[in-house]
Amino acid sequence: MSVRIRLKRLGAKKAPFYRIVVADSRSARNSKSIDEIGYYNPTTEPAALKVDAEAAAKWIANGAQPSDTVKALLKKAGVIKD
């Protein structure tokens, strides 16, 4: 099973709100996830980002691959360095 850290879209039409989740890479975008490690709200000024750094680091150490967008968000939050 390949595990990814990715965004799950919530919110209304044209008002997105995202949860940062750990999910099986084969599952659909908004389907059941393994763990929820944070959220991202791009509609606020400035954009709201909250990440459980300890949980994210644990999942990455266990082999979970972050998506490109989540990787950028984790860098912004200071969880990963590159």
C-alpha atoms as a PDB file:
ATOM      1  CA  MET A   1       0.000   0.000   0.000  1.00  0.00           C
ATOM      2  CA  SER A   2       1.416   3.334  -1.084  1.00  0.00           C
ATOM      3  CA  VAL A   3       0.591   6.125   1.347  1.00  0.00           C
ATOM      4  CA  ARG A   4       0.393   9.792   0.334  1.00  0.00           C
ATOM      5  CA  ILE A   5       0.004  13.004   2.291  1.00  0.00           C
ATOM      6  CA  ARG A   6      -2.401  15.115   0.259  1.00  0.00           C
ATOM      7  CA  LEU A   7      -5.234  17.640   0.389  1.00  0.00           C
ATOM      8  CA  LYS A   8      -8.909  16.780   0.848  1.00  0.00           C
ATOM      9  CA  ARG A   9     -11.166  19.540  -0.502  1.00  0.00           C
ATOM     10  CA  LEU A  10     -14.049  20.800   1.596  1.00  0.00           C
ATOM     11  CA  GLY A  11     -16.043  24.021   1.584  1.00  0.00           C
ATOM     12  CA  ALA A  12     -18.535  25.583  -0.755  1.00  0.00           C
ATOM     13  CA  LYS A  13     -18.297  26.287  -4.455  1.00  0.00           C
ATOM     14  CA  LYS A  14     -15.591  28.935  -5.069  1.00  0.00           C
ATOM     15  CA  ALA A  15     -14.736  28.923  -1.337  1.00  0.00           C
ATOM     16  CA  PRO A  16     -12.328  26.015  -0.865  1.00  0.00           C
ATOM     17  CA  PHE A  17     -11.101  24.715   2.462  1.00  0.00           C
ATOM     18  CA  TYR A  18      -8.603  21.862   2.602  1.00  0.00           C
ATOM     19  CA  ARG A  19      -7.660  19.243   5.174  1.00  0.00           C
ATOM     20  CA  ILE A  20      -4.165  17.776   5.039  1.00  0.00           C
ATOM     21  CA  VAL A  21      -4.684  14.028   5.249  1.00  0.00           C
ATOM     22  CA  VAL A  22      -2.737  10.785   5.019  1.00  0.00           C
ATOM     23  CA  ALA A  23      -4.468   8.418   2.580  1.00  0.00           C
ATOM     24  CA  ASP A  24      -3.918   5.432   0.339  1.00  0.00           C
ATOM     25  CA  SER A  25      -2.686   6.696  -3.036  1.00  0.00           C
ATOM     26  CA  ARG A  26      -5.286   4.597  -4.879  1.00  0.00           C
ATOM     27  CA  SER A  27      -8.276   6.119  -3.062  1.00  0.00           C
ATOM     28  CA  ALA A  28     -10.376   9.021  -4.344  1.00  0.00           C
ATOM     29  CA  ARG A  29      -9.636  12.603  -3.306  1.00  0.00           C
ATOM     30  CA  ASN A  30     -12.397  12.969  -0.710  1.00  0.00           C
ATOM     31  CA  SER A  31     -12.716   9.348   0.352  1.00  0.00           C
ATOM     32  CA  LYS A  32     -11.815   7.834   3.713  1.00  0.00           C
ATOM     33  CA  SER A  33      -8.375   8.826   4.995  1.00  0.00           C
ATOM     34  CA  ILE A  34      -5.986   7.161   7.425  1.00  0.00           C
ATOM     35  CA  ASP A  35      -5.113  10.258   9.476  1.00  0.00           C
ATOM     36  CA  GLU A  36      -5.835  13.988   9.471  1.00  0.00           C
ATOM     37  CA  ILE A  37      -2.758  16.078  10.279  1.00  0.00           C
ATOM     38  CA  GLY A  38      -3.820  19.655   9.592  1.00  0.00           C
ATOM     39  CA  TYR A  39      -5.777  22.134   7.493  1.00  0.00           C
ATOM     40  CA  TYR A  40      -5.200  24.873   4.924  1.00  0.00           C
ATOM     41  CA  ASN A  41      -7.602  27.747   4.224  1.00  0.00           C
ATOM     42  CA  PRO A  42      -6.431  29.811   1.219  1.00  0.00           C
ATOM     43  CA  THR A  43      -9.446  32.142   1.279  1.00  0.00           C
ATOM     44  CA  THR A  44      -8.446  34.059   4.418  1.00  0.00           C
ATOM     45  CA  GLU A  45      -5.927  36.886   4.368  1.00  0.00           C
ATOM     46  CA  PRO A  46      -3.258  35.738   5.164  1.00  0.00           C
ATOM     47  CA  ALA A  47      -3.916  32.094   4.279  1.00  0.00           C
ATOM     48  CA  ALA A  48      -4.488  29.938   7.377  1.00  0.00           C
ATOM     49  CA  LEU A  49      -2.235  26.897   7.713  1.00  0.00           C
ATOM     50  CA  LYS A  50      -2.095  24.557  10.698  1.00  0.00           C
ATOM     51  CA  VAL A  51      -0.056  21.347  10.636  1.00  0.00           C
ATOM     52  CA  ASP A  52       0.676  18.819  13.372  1.00  0.00           C
ATOM     53  CA  ALA A  53       4.436  18.807  12.746  1.00  0.00           C
ATOM     54  CA  GLU A  54       5.066  15.766  14.910  1.00  0.00           C
ATOM     55  CA  ALA A  55       2.491  13.631  13.074  1.00  0.00           C
ATOM     56  CA  ALA A  56       3.675  14.829   9.650  1.00  0.00           C
ATOM     57  CA  ALA A  57       7.301  14.015  10.471  1.00  0.00           C
ATOM     58  CA  LYS A  58       6.261  10.586  11.756  1.00  0.00           C
ATOM     59  CA  TRP A  59       4.365   9.750   8.567  1.00  0.00           C
ATOM     60  CA  ILE A  60       7.208  10.963   6.335  1.00  0.00           C
ATOM     61  CA  ALA A  61       9.692   8.892   8.346  1.00  0.00           C
ATOM     62  CA  ASN A  62       7.427   5.860   7.857  1.00  0.00           C
ATOM     63  CA  GLY A  63       7.477   6.316   4.069  1.00  0.00           C
ATOM     64  CA  ALA A  64       4.471   8.495   3.240  1.00  0.00           C
ATOM     65  CA  GLN A  65       5.079  10.651   0.161  1.00  0.00           C
ATOM     66  CA  PRO A  66       3.676  14.212   0.244  1.00  0.00           C
ATOM     67  CA  SER A  67       2.062  15.612  -2.898  1.00  0.00           C
ATOM     68  CA  ASP A  68       3.757  18.596  -4.525  1.00  0.00           C
ATOM     69  CA  THR A  69       1.294  21.068  -2.981  1.00  0.00           C
ATOM     70  CA  VAL A  70       1.532  19.527   0.473  1.00  0.00           C
ATOM     71  CA  LYS A  71       5.334  19.477   0.237  1.00  0.00           C
ATOM     72  CA  ALA A  72       5.286  23.249  -0.391  1.00  0.00           C
ATOM     73  CA  LEU A  73       2.894  23.766   2.539  1.00  0.00           C
ATOM     74  CA  LEU A  74       5.051  21.647   4.855  1.00  0.00           C
ATOM     75  CA  LYS A  75       8.105  23.702   3.873  1.00  0.00           C
ATOM     76  CA  LYS A  76       6.167  26.892   4.631  1.00  0.00           C
ATOM     77  CA  ALA A  77       5.171  25.466   8.036  1.00  0.00           C
ATOM     78  CA  GLY A  78       8.786  24.491   8.766  1.00  0.00           C
ATOM     79  CA  VAL A  79       8.130  20.758   9.017  1.00  0.00           C
ATOM     80  CA  ILE A  80      10.515  19.750   6.214  1.00  0.00           C
ATOM     81  CA  LYS A  81      13.623  21.499   4.975  1.00  0.00           C
ATOM     82  CA  ASP A  82      14.789  21.446   1.341  1.00  0.00           C
END
